[in-house]
Amino acid sequence: MKKVVFLGLGYIGLPTAAVAAHHGYEVVGVDVNPAVVETVNQGKVHIVEPDLDKIVKEAVQSGRLRAVSKPETADAFFVVVPTPFKQNHRADVTYVESATRAVIPCLKPGDLFVIESTSPVFTTERMADLIFQQRPELKGHIYIAYCPERVLPGNTLHELVHNDRVIGGINPESTDKAVEFYSAFVQGRLHRTNARTAEMCKLTENSSRDSQIAFANELSMICDKAGINVWELIELANKHPRVNILQPGCGVGGHCIAVDPWFIVSDYPEQAQLIKRARETNDYKADWCANKVLESCQHFVEKNEREPVVACMGLAFKPNIDDLRESPAKYIASRIVSESRADVLIVEPNITSHASFHLTDYKEAYRKADIIVWLVRHTPFVELPRDAEKLELDFCGVR
């Protein structure tokens, strides 16, 4: 395998393509957004990720990475596109299917086809059936596997190389072929399994995290009712040698943890009771936070006979990144804007503009606001000095 194609140049596709190019592959990145294609071909990036700009620039200048709008023939193809859920919480595999259909004319005997997009169980087998329906002559002559990404935004490049990977083929030969590719740059262990188990493994990992976060978020609401400092409580409880409670926040966002558990719940509704309850708890936490802010605005009006200035600090779904997908902070800010008469200042230091919000510098917002709403624990926020005259609602442990 010398030439590889990545379909999707987003938060996972572009870093993985750049890392593969850095390790000697000729990489072609495919994206339906012309602006993304143009940006990458200029050796630039359209997302915030530490050091990604450097590795992309080097890969493009060396000729090992280029971007196009349509796939072309290669030795291996990797589907790294979004898999959101529909309004009924069922997975939308439209992007995966579209990407698969796009590469079918390019496939030849001996090629490797891998899905990295988080997908419901059986997706890889269904895409294999789709390929063989249109190209029956390829059955038994190409390799098809599933290998989910397993990275932490903000540390993606390091984790792409050093994390273990789970690789499951539709047959052992496909698994071995996929392992051959990833072994070129992954220093973590490569764990062989089948496609169905690999798909469920990815969903299980994120559902486990969601359940752990739900416990912390539920605890924070209980402590608020009881007048207990939840941050101190968790610190003390974690002194127990077998207790490790996570930190609460204003909900759960991102393209994985806020989405993937629903794939299990929608396919196995009778069995996935705990997974469903955890997902509902984390969704509810965002509404609980918004309601607390709205109540504080009302109390401010009753006391001061004027509307407050409210600073919503952070829009990203986690600290120190620019990714707003499924962000509870963004949802809360939207509710404050639409449901209060306050002068609302929106802050997100990791982006320069937003279609729905006018952004304010974080220092200016803190200085002007009567009520500070800490939604995301960005590093610059932690470093701000405290003003005892301001009401601060801390949903993420800034203070």
Foldseek 3Di string as FASTA:
>chain_A
DAEEEEEDCPPQRVLVQLLLLVLHHQYEYAYQDVVQQVQLLVLAHDWDAPPSSVSSNVSNVVNSYHYDHADAADQEYEYADAFFADPVLATDCVSVLVNLVRCLVRDDFNHAYEYQYQDFFCPQVVSVVVSCVVVVVRVVGYWYKYKYDDDDGRCRNVCLAEPEIEIATCDVVNSVVVCVSSVSRHPYHYHYDHRRVNSVVQLVVLLVVLLLQLVQLVQVVVCVVVVHDSVVVQVVVPVPPPDDRDHYAQAAFDRGNLRSLSNVCVVPVVPCPSSVVSSVSRVVSLVVLLVVVQVVQVVCCVVPVDGWEEELAAQPQAADTDHNGRRSSVVSLVCCVVPDPHNYEYAHVHDDDDPPDDHDHPVVSVVRGQEYEHHYQYPVLLPDDDDPRHHYHYRGPSD
